[in-house]
Every structure is written in C-alpha cells, then in structure tokens.
N, C-alpha and C. Protein backbone atom coordinates (compact mmCIF):
# COMPACT_ATOMS: atom_id res chain seq x y z
N MET A 1 183.98 92.23 139.35
CA MET A 1 183.61 93.38 138.58
C MET A 1 182.70 92.96 137.42
N LYS A 2 183.06 91.82 136.86
CA LYS A 2 182.23 91.33 135.77
C LYS A 2 180.84 90.98 136.31
N GLN A 3 180.79 90.43 137.50
CA GLN A 3 179.52 90.06 138.10
C GLN A 3 178.69 91.30 138.40
N ARG A 4 179.33 92.38 138.88
CA ARG A 4 178.60 93.63 139.13
C ARG A 4 178.09 94.20 137.82
N HIS A 5 178.91 94.11 136.82
CA HIS A 5 178.52 94.63 135.52
C HIS A 5 177.32 93.84 134.98
N VAL A 6 177.33 92.53 135.11
CA VAL A 6 176.21 91.70 134.66
C VAL A 6 174.98 92.01 135.50
N THR A 7 175.16 92.16 136.80
CA THR A 7 174.04 92.47 137.69
C THR A 7 173.45 93.84 137.32
N PHE A 8 174.33 94.83 137.10
CA PHE A 8 173.86 96.16 136.71
C PHE A 8 173.14 96.08 135.36
N PHE A 9 173.70 95.36 134.43
CA PHE A 9 173.09 95.21 133.11
C PHE A 9 171.74 94.51 133.22
N LEU A 10 171.66 93.44 134.01
CA LEU A 10 170.38 92.73 134.20
C LEU A 10 169.36 93.63 134.90
N GLY A 11 169.78 94.44 135.83
CA GLY A 11 168.89 95.38 136.50
C GLY A 11 168.34 96.40 135.52
N ALA A 12 169.22 96.91 134.65
CA ALA A 12 168.78 97.89 133.65
C ALA A 12 167.81 97.26 132.67
N VAL A 13 168.11 96.04 132.24
CA VAL A 13 167.22 95.33 131.33
C VAL A 13 165.89 95.05 132.01
N GLU A 14 165.95 94.65 133.28
CA GLU A 14 164.72 94.37 134.03
C GLU A 14 163.86 95.63 134.16
N LYS A 15 164.48 96.77 134.42
CA LYS A 15 163.74 98.04 134.51
C LYS A 15 163.11 98.39 133.16
N ALA A 16 163.88 98.25 132.09
CA ALA A 16 163.36 98.57 130.75
C ALA A 16 162.22 97.63 130.39
N VAL A 17 162.38 96.36 130.68
CA VAL A 17 161.31 95.39 130.38
C VAL A 17 160.09 95.68 131.25
N GLY A 18 160.29 96.03 132.50
CA GLY A 18 159.18 96.38 133.40
C GLY A 18 158.42 97.60 132.90
N ARG A 19 159.22 98.59 132.47
CA ARG A 19 158.61 99.81 131.94
C ARG A 19 157.81 99.50 130.68
N LYS A 20 158.38 98.73 129.76
CA LYS A 20 157.65 98.33 128.54
C LYS A 20 156.42 97.51 128.90
N LEU A 21 156.53 96.64 129.88
CA LEU A 21 155.39 95.82 130.30
C LEU A 21 154.26 96.70 130.84
N ARG A 22 154.60 97.69 131.65
CA ARG A 22 153.57 98.62 132.17
C ARG A 22 152.93 99.42 131.03
N GLU A 23 153.73 99.88 130.07
CA GLU A 23 153.19 100.62 128.92
C GLU A 23 152.21 99.74 128.14
N LYS A 24 152.58 98.50 127.94
CA LYS A 24 151.70 97.57 127.21
C LYS A 24 150.44 97.29 128.01
N GLU A 25 150.52 97.17 129.33
CA GLU A 25 149.33 96.97 130.16
C GLU A 25 148.40 98.18 130.08
N VAL A 26 148.98 99.39 130.07
CA VAL A 26 148.18 100.61 129.92
C VAL A 26 147.51 100.61 128.55
N GLN A 27 148.24 100.20 127.51
CA GLN A 27 147.65 100.13 126.17
C GLN A 27 146.52 99.10 126.13
N ILE A 28 146.72 97.96 126.78
CA ILE A 28 145.68 96.93 126.82
C ILE A 28 144.44 97.45 127.54
N GLU A 29 144.62 98.14 128.67
CA GLU A 29 143.49 98.72 129.39
C GLU A 29 142.77 99.75 128.52
N SER A 30 143.53 100.58 127.80
CA SER A 30 142.94 101.58 126.92
C SER A 30 142.16 100.90 125.79
N MET A 31 142.74 99.85 125.23
CA MET A 31 142.04 99.12 124.17
C MET A 31 140.79 98.43 124.70
N ASN A 32 140.87 97.90 125.90
CA ASN A 32 139.67 97.27 126.49
C ASN A 32 138.56 98.30 126.72
N ARG A 33 138.93 99.49 127.20
CA ARG A 33 137.93 100.55 127.38
C ARG A 33 137.32 100.95 126.04
N ARG A 34 138.17 101.13 125.05
CA ARG A 34 137.69 101.51 123.71
C ARG A 34 136.80 100.41 123.12
N ASN A 35 137.18 99.16 123.33
CA ASN A 35 136.38 98.03 122.86
C ASN A 35 135.00 98.03 123.53
N LYS A 36 134.98 98.31 124.82
CA LYS A 36 133.71 98.37 125.56
C LYS A 36 132.84 99.51 125.02
N GLU A 37 133.44 100.68 124.76
CA GLU A 37 132.71 101.82 124.20
C GLU A 37 132.14 101.47 122.82
N LEU A 38 132.95 100.80 122.01
CA LEU A 38 132.49 100.43 120.67
C LEU A 38 131.37 99.40 120.73
N ASN A 39 131.45 98.46 121.67
CA ASN A 39 130.36 97.49 121.83
C ASN A 39 129.06 98.17 122.24
N GLU A 40 129.14 99.16 123.13
CA GLU A 40 127.96 99.93 123.52
C GLU A 40 127.38 100.68 122.32
N ARG A 41 128.27 101.25 121.53
CA ARG A 41 127.82 101.99 120.34
C ARG A 41 127.16 101.05 119.33
N ILE A 42 127.71 99.85 119.18
CA ILE A 42 127.12 98.85 118.28
C ILE A 42 125.72 98.49 118.75
N LYS A 43 125.53 98.30 120.06
CA LYS A 43 124.20 98.00 120.59
C LYS A 43 123.23 99.13 120.30
N GLN A 44 123.69 100.37 120.51
CA GLN A 44 122.84 101.53 120.27
C GLN A 44 122.45 101.63 118.80
N VAL A 45 123.41 101.45 117.91
CA VAL A 45 123.14 101.55 116.48
C VAL A 45 122.23 100.42 116.03
N SER A 46 122.41 99.22 116.57
CA SER A 46 121.53 98.12 116.18
C SER A 46 120.10 98.36 116.67
N MET A 47 119.94 98.97 117.84
CA MET A 47 118.59 99.31 118.31
C MET A 47 117.97 100.37 117.41
N GLU A 48 118.76 101.36 116.98
CA GLU A 48 118.26 102.38 116.05
C GLU A 48 117.85 101.75 114.72
N ALA A 49 118.69 100.84 114.22
CA ALA A 49 118.38 100.17 112.96
C ALA A 49 117.10 99.37 113.08
N GLN A 50 116.90 98.71 114.20
CA GLN A 50 115.68 97.94 114.41
C GLN A 50 114.47 98.87 114.47
N SER A 51 114.63 100.01 115.12
CA SER A 51 113.54 100.99 115.18
C SER A 51 113.19 101.48 113.78
N TRP A 52 114.19 101.80 112.97
CA TRP A 52 113.93 102.24 111.61
C TRP A 52 113.29 101.13 110.79
N HIS A 53 113.71 99.90 111.04
CA HIS A 53 113.13 98.77 110.33
C HIS A 53 111.63 98.65 110.67
N TYR A 54 111.29 98.78 111.95
CA TYR A 54 109.88 98.73 112.34
C TYR A 54 109.09 99.87 111.72
N ARG A 55 109.69 101.06 111.70
CA ARG A 55 109.01 102.20 111.08
C ARG A 55 108.77 101.95 109.60
N ALA A 56 109.77 101.40 108.93
CA ALA A 56 109.63 101.13 107.50
C ALA A 56 108.53 100.10 107.26
N ARG A 57 108.47 99.08 108.09
CA ARG A 57 107.40 98.08 107.95
C ARG A 57 106.04 98.72 108.17
N PHE A 58 105.93 99.57 109.19
CA PHE A 58 104.67 100.24 109.46
C PHE A 58 104.26 101.10 108.26
N ASN A 59 105.22 101.87 107.73
CA ASN A 59 104.92 102.72 106.57
C ASN A 59 104.53 101.88 105.36
N GLU A 60 105.16 100.73 105.18
CA GLU A 60 104.79 99.85 104.08
C GLU A 60 103.36 99.35 104.25
N SER A 61 102.99 99.03 105.49
CA SER A 61 101.62 98.56 105.70
C SER A 61 100.61 99.68 105.46
N VAL A 62 100.96 100.91 105.86
CA VAL A 62 100.08 102.05 105.60
C VAL A 62 99.92 102.27 104.10
N VAL A 63 101.02 102.18 103.38
CA VAL A 63 100.96 102.33 101.92
C VAL A 63 100.08 101.25 101.31
N SER A 64 100.22 100.04 101.80
CA SER A 64 99.42 98.93 101.28
C SER A 64 97.93 99.17 101.53
N VAL A 65 97.59 99.61 102.73
CA VAL A 65 96.19 99.88 103.06
C VAL A 65 95.66 101.02 102.19
N LEU A 66 96.46 102.07 102.01
CA LEU A 66 96.01 103.19 101.18
C LEU A 66 95.84 102.77 99.72
N LYS A 67 96.74 101.92 99.23
CA LYS A 67 96.59 101.43 97.85
C LYS A 67 95.30 100.63 97.71
N ASN A 68 95.03 99.77 98.69
CA ASN A 68 93.79 98.99 98.64
C ASN A 68 92.57 99.88 98.68
N ASN A 69 92.60 100.90 99.55
CA ASN A 69 91.48 101.84 99.62
C ASN A 69 91.30 102.57 98.31
N LEU A 70 92.41 102.97 97.69
CA LEU A 70 92.33 103.65 96.41
C LEU A 70 91.76 102.74 95.33
N LYS A 71 92.20 101.49 95.31
CA LYS A 71 91.66 100.53 94.34
C LYS A 71 90.16 100.34 94.53
N GLN A 72 89.74 100.23 95.80
CA GLN A 72 88.31 100.07 96.08
C GLN A 72 87.53 101.29 95.63
N ALA A 73 88.08 102.48 95.90
CA ALA A 73 87.39 103.70 95.50
C ALA A 73 87.29 103.80 93.98
N VAL A 74 88.37 103.44 93.30
CA VAL A 74 88.34 103.47 91.83
C VAL A 74 87.34 102.45 91.30
N ALA A 75 87.33 101.26 91.89
CA ALA A 75 86.40 100.22 91.46
C ALA A 75 84.96 100.65 91.73
N GLN A 76 84.73 101.27 92.87
CA GLN A 76 83.39 101.74 93.21
C GLN A 76 82.96 102.84 92.25
N GLY A 77 83.88 103.75 91.92
CA GLY A 77 83.57 104.82 90.98
C GLY A 77 83.28 104.27 89.59
N ALA A 78 84.02 103.25 89.19
CA ALA A 78 83.80 102.66 87.87
C ALA A 78 82.48 101.90 87.84
N SER A 79 82.11 101.30 88.97
CA SER A 79 80.85 100.54 88.98
C SER A 79 79.64 101.46 88.95
N GLN A 80 79.79 102.69 89.43
CA GLN A 80 78.66 103.62 89.40
C GLN A 80 78.42 104.13 87.99
N GLY A 81 79.48 104.26 87.22
CA GLY A 81 79.34 104.58 85.81
C GLY A 81 79.00 106.01 85.48
N ARG A 82 78.87 106.88 86.44
CA ARG A 82 78.58 108.27 86.13
C ARG A 82 79.15 109.15 87.23
N GLU A 83 79.28 110.42 86.97
CA GLU A 83 79.81 111.35 87.94
C GLU A 83 78.80 111.59 89.04
N GLY A 84 79.29 111.93 90.21
CA GLY A 84 78.41 112.26 91.32
C GLY A 84 77.92 111.01 92.00
N CYS A 85 77.29 111.19 93.12
CA CYS A 85 76.78 110.06 93.88
C CYS A 85 75.29 110.20 94.10
N GLY A 86 74.62 110.98 93.27
CA GLY A 86 73.17 111.16 93.43
C GLY A 86 72.44 109.88 93.07
N ASP A 87 71.22 109.76 93.55
CA ASP A 87 70.44 108.56 93.28
C ASP A 87 70.05 108.48 91.82
N SER A 88 69.94 109.61 91.17
CA SER A 88 69.56 109.59 89.77
C SER A 88 70.14 110.81 89.08
N GLU A 89 70.04 110.81 87.79
CA GLU A 89 70.54 111.96 87.06
C GLU A 89 69.65 113.17 87.28
N VAL A 90 68.41 112.95 87.68
CA VAL A 90 67.53 114.07 88.01
C VAL A 90 68.09 114.80 89.22
N ASP A 91 68.56 114.05 90.23
CA ASP A 91 69.16 114.69 91.40
C ASP A 91 70.42 115.47 91.03
N ASP A 92 71.23 114.88 90.12
CA ASP A 92 72.43 115.57 89.70
C ASP A 92 72.08 116.87 88.98
N ALA A 93 71.07 116.84 88.14
CA ALA A 93 70.66 118.04 87.43
C ALA A 93 70.09 119.05 88.41
N ALA A 94 69.34 118.58 89.38
CA ALA A 94 68.74 119.49 90.35
C ALA A 94 69.80 120.13 91.23
N SER A 95 70.93 119.44 91.41
CA SER A 95 71.96 120.01 92.27
C SER A 95 72.68 121.16 91.59
N SER A 96 72.65 121.19 90.27
CA SER A 96 73.38 122.26 89.60
C SER A 96 72.46 123.39 89.16
N TYR A 97 71.34 123.09 88.56
CA TYR A 97 70.42 124.13 88.10
C TYR A 97 69.00 123.71 88.43
N GLY A 98 68.24 124.66 88.75
CA GLY A 98 66.83 124.36 88.99
C GLY A 98 66.19 125.46 89.78
N PRO A 99 64.94 125.71 89.54
CA PRO A 99 64.28 126.78 90.29
C PRO A 99 64.03 126.33 91.73
N SER A 100 64.36 127.18 92.63
CA SER A 100 64.11 126.93 94.05
C SER A 100 63.48 128.17 94.63
N ALA A 101 62.39 127.98 95.30
CA ALA A 101 61.71 129.13 95.90
C ALA A 101 62.37 129.42 97.24
N PRO A 102 62.85 130.63 97.45
CA PRO A 102 63.47 130.95 98.72
C PRO A 102 62.44 130.92 99.85
N LEU A 103 62.92 130.41 101.00
CA LEU A 103 62.03 130.32 102.15
C LEU A 103 62.03 131.59 102.98
N GLY A 104 62.88 132.49 102.67
CA GLY A 104 62.92 133.73 103.44
C GLY A 104 64.37 134.14 103.62
N GLY A 105 64.57 135.21 104.37
CA GLY A 105 65.93 135.70 104.57
C GLY A 105 66.15 136.94 103.74
N ASP A 106 67.20 137.64 104.07
CA ASP A 106 67.43 138.90 103.39
C ASP A 106 68.29 138.77 102.15
N ALA A 107 69.03 137.69 102.01
CA ALA A 107 69.88 137.53 100.83
C ALA A 107 69.18 136.63 99.84
N VAL A 108 68.61 137.21 98.81
CA VAL A 108 67.88 136.46 97.79
C VAL A 108 68.78 136.35 96.57
N PRO A 109 68.91 135.17 95.99
CA PRO A 109 69.77 135.02 94.82
C PRO A 109 69.27 135.88 93.67
N ALA A 110 70.21 136.27 92.84
CA ALA A 110 69.87 137.09 91.67
C ALA A 110 69.06 136.27 90.68
N ALA A 111 68.45 136.96 89.73
CA ALA A 111 67.63 136.27 88.74
C ALA A 111 68.50 135.31 87.96
N GLY A 112 68.02 134.09 87.76
CA GLY A 112 68.76 133.08 87.02
C GLY A 112 69.80 132.36 87.87
N ALA A 113 70.01 132.79 89.10
CA ALA A 113 70.98 132.14 89.98
C ALA A 113 70.32 130.96 90.68
N MET A 114 71.15 130.09 91.20
CA MET A 114 70.64 128.90 91.87
C MET A 114 70.65 129.11 93.37
N ALA A 115 69.64 128.60 94.05
CA ALA A 115 69.53 128.78 95.50
C ALA A 115 70.15 127.59 96.22
N CYS A 116 70.67 127.87 97.38
CA CYS A 116 71.28 126.87 98.25
C CYS A 116 70.25 125.81 98.62
N ARG A 117 70.64 124.54 98.62
CA ARG A 117 69.72 123.45 98.92
C ARG A 117 69.49 123.30 100.42
N ALA A 118 70.28 123.98 101.25
CA ALA A 118 70.09 123.89 102.69
C ALA A 118 69.24 125.04 103.20
N CYS A 119 69.66 126.28 102.94
CA CYS A 119 68.91 127.43 103.45
C CYS A 119 67.93 127.98 102.44
N ARG A 120 68.08 127.66 101.17
CA ARG A 120 67.22 128.07 100.07
C ARG A 120 67.09 129.60 99.94
N SER A 121 68.09 130.32 100.44
CA SER A 121 67.99 131.77 100.34
C SER A 121 69.20 132.40 99.65
N ARG A 122 70.36 131.79 99.73
CA ARG A 122 71.55 132.38 99.13
C ARG A 122 71.98 131.59 97.89
N GLU A 123 72.81 132.22 97.09
CA GLU A 123 73.29 131.61 95.84
C GLU A 123 74.31 130.51 96.15
N ILE A 124 74.22 129.40 95.40
CA ILE A 124 75.14 128.30 95.62
C ILE A 124 76.54 128.70 95.15
N SER A 125 77.56 128.23 95.92
CA SER A 125 78.93 128.55 95.54
C SER A 125 79.92 127.53 96.11
N VAL A 126 79.44 126.41 96.63
CA VAL A 126 80.33 125.40 97.22
C VAL A 126 80.08 124.05 96.56
N LEU A 127 81.16 123.45 96.07
CA LEU A 127 81.12 122.11 95.47
C LEU A 127 81.54 121.13 96.55
N LEU A 128 80.68 120.16 96.84
CA LEU A 128 80.96 119.19 97.89
C LEU A 128 81.78 118.03 97.35
N LEU A 129 82.69 117.55 98.17
CA LEU A 129 83.50 116.39 97.81
C LEU A 129 83.22 115.28 98.81
N PRO A 130 83.13 114.07 98.44
CA PRO A 130 83.51 113.45 97.19
C PRO A 130 82.37 113.36 96.17
N CYS A 131 81.15 113.72 96.54
CA CYS A 131 80.01 113.50 95.63
C CYS A 131 79.98 114.50 94.47
N ARG A 132 80.65 115.64 94.60
CA ARG A 132 80.75 116.68 93.56
C ARG A 132 79.42 117.35 93.24
N HIS A 133 78.55 117.46 94.22
CA HIS A 133 77.32 118.21 94.01
C HIS A 133 77.59 119.68 94.33
N LEU A 134 77.16 120.54 93.44
CA LEU A 134 77.25 121.98 93.63
C LEU A 134 75.89 122.42 94.11
N CYS A 135 75.73 122.53 95.45
CA CYS A 135 74.38 122.73 95.94
C CYS A 135 74.28 123.57 97.21
N LEU A 136 75.39 124.09 97.75
CA LEU A 136 75.33 124.86 98.99
C LEU A 136 75.94 126.25 98.81
N CYS A 137 75.49 127.18 99.65
CA CYS A 137 76.09 128.51 99.68
C CYS A 137 77.35 128.46 100.57
N ARG A 138 78.07 129.54 100.61
CA ARG A 138 79.31 129.59 101.39
C ARG A 138 79.04 129.38 102.87
N ASP A 139 77.98 129.97 103.40
CA ASP A 139 77.67 129.83 104.83
C ASP A 139 77.30 128.40 105.19
N CYS A 140 76.44 127.79 104.40
CA CYS A 140 76.00 126.42 104.68
C CYS A 140 77.12 125.41 104.38
N GLY A 141 77.97 125.70 103.41
CA GLY A 141 79.05 124.80 103.05
C GLY A 141 80.01 124.55 104.19
N GLY A 142 80.19 125.54 105.06
CA GLY A 142 81.10 125.38 106.19
C GLY A 142 80.50 124.63 107.35
N SER A 143 79.16 124.52 107.39
CA SER A 143 78.53 123.90 108.55
C SER A 143 77.86 122.57 108.26
N VAL A 144 77.58 122.27 106.99
CA VAL A 144 76.89 121.03 106.64
C VAL A 144 77.92 119.94 106.37
N ASN A 145 77.75 118.75 106.99
CA ASN A 145 78.69 117.65 106.82
C ASN A 145 78.13 116.54 105.95
N VAL A 146 76.89 116.69 105.51
CA VAL A 146 76.25 115.67 104.67
C VAL A 146 75.64 116.38 103.47
N CYS A 147 75.84 115.81 102.29
CA CYS A 147 75.27 116.40 101.09
C CYS A 147 73.75 116.35 101.18
N PRO A 148 73.05 117.47 100.95
CA PRO A 148 71.60 117.47 101.05
C PRO A 148 70.93 116.69 99.91
N LEU A 149 71.64 116.39 98.84
CA LEU A 149 71.06 115.67 97.72
C LEU A 149 71.20 114.16 97.85
N CYS A 150 72.42 113.71 98.06
CA CYS A 150 72.65 112.26 98.05
C CYS A 150 72.92 111.69 99.44
N ARG A 151 72.98 112.52 100.46
CA ARG A 151 73.21 112.12 101.84
C ARG A 151 74.58 111.46 102.06
N THR A 152 75.55 111.78 101.19
CA THR A 152 76.92 111.29 101.35
C THR A 152 77.62 112.18 102.36
N THR A 153 78.42 111.58 103.24
CA THR A 153 79.22 112.37 104.17
C THR A 153 80.28 113.10 103.37
N THR A 154 80.35 114.41 103.58
CA THR A 154 81.29 115.22 102.81
C THR A 154 82.64 115.28 103.49
N THR A 155 83.69 115.30 102.70
CA THR A 155 85.03 115.43 103.24
C THR A 155 85.57 116.84 103.09
N ALA A 156 85.05 117.58 102.11
CA ALA A 156 85.52 118.95 101.89
C ALA A 156 84.50 119.69 101.04
N GLY A 157 84.58 120.98 101.11
CA GLY A 157 83.77 121.85 100.26
C GLY A 157 84.69 122.81 99.54
N VAL A 158 84.57 122.87 98.22
CA VAL A 158 85.45 123.72 97.41
C VAL A 158 84.63 124.91 96.92
N PRO A 159 85.12 126.13 97.18
CA PRO A 159 84.40 127.29 96.66
C PRO A 159 84.49 127.35 95.14
N VAL A 160 83.38 127.68 94.50
CA VAL A 160 83.31 127.77 93.04
C VAL A 160 82.93 129.21 92.70
N PHE A 161 83.69 129.79 91.78
CA PHE A 161 83.43 131.16 91.36
C PHE A 161 82.85 131.11 89.95
N MET A 162 81.59 131.52 89.83
CA MET A 162 80.92 131.50 88.53
C MET A 162 80.84 132.91 87.98
N SER A 163 81.09 133.04 86.73
CA SER A 163 81.01 134.38 86.15
C SER A 163 80.12 134.37 84.94
C-alpha cells in the first residue's frame, strides 16, 4: 500500500512537473517569437534612423551651399559699390526717368510719365530683380527675362505703384 501510495504520488508529481514544463516551453516559444519581432523592429528603426541621418546630411550640405552663395552675392554686391547692376550711373538714371519717344501703339504714357524700355509705348510699372531697374511696363514685365538696360537675367518682376 505504501508502494502504491508512493507510485501514485510520484505519478501526480510527474504530471504536475510535466504540465509546468509544457507551460514553460510555451512561454519560451512566446518569448522567442516576441524577441524575433523586436529584432525586426530594431532593424526597421535603425534603417529609418539611417535614412533620417542621410537626409540631415543632405540638408546640411544644401544649407552650406546656400550660405556660400549668399556670401558670394553679398561680396559681389559690396564690390560693385552701388545699387543696381547697370554699366554706369547714367544707365541707372535712364532706367528710372528720362524722355523716351514712343514708337507707336495705342497706349501712350501720360505727360511726365516714363515709357517702357521694351515696347516704348506704355508707362513703366515693373521693378526687375535682382538688378532693381524700374524700366518695364506690366505687359513686358511678364514676358521679358533679361533686363533691357544691364542685360542681367531677371529672377522676378515686382509691380510698382506710383502716385
């Protein structure tokens, strides 16, 4: 009877230990799966970080190039010593005021007004950038890409309202 009792007790202990062993194996499998998922996530995040790092380097290089361009533009502007990019101050004066005989057309500038340097028929109202010559009418300002006075390539034309 004692032997049956020991055998029954050992069987019960063996079942309990087997059950605990299976639970621990399931936990180990679950942890291994979770570990694998986390390793994949680490790889993904490190690739993202590397991508952001490359973007930051690219943006830093763009900033550096733009700073250098700005320094060169400032140095070039300082070396010219005067506003505008005309060949002489006579050109600068001619771009703002001066008598111009209209070549024709139906829109003739009012008395005392300045005529467009491209069509010579309408009143000037566009300031060209970067040279800052005020020398074109609204119609010509939208179509001309080179300043008619200094032959600088224009980047923009700003409408000017004179009263």
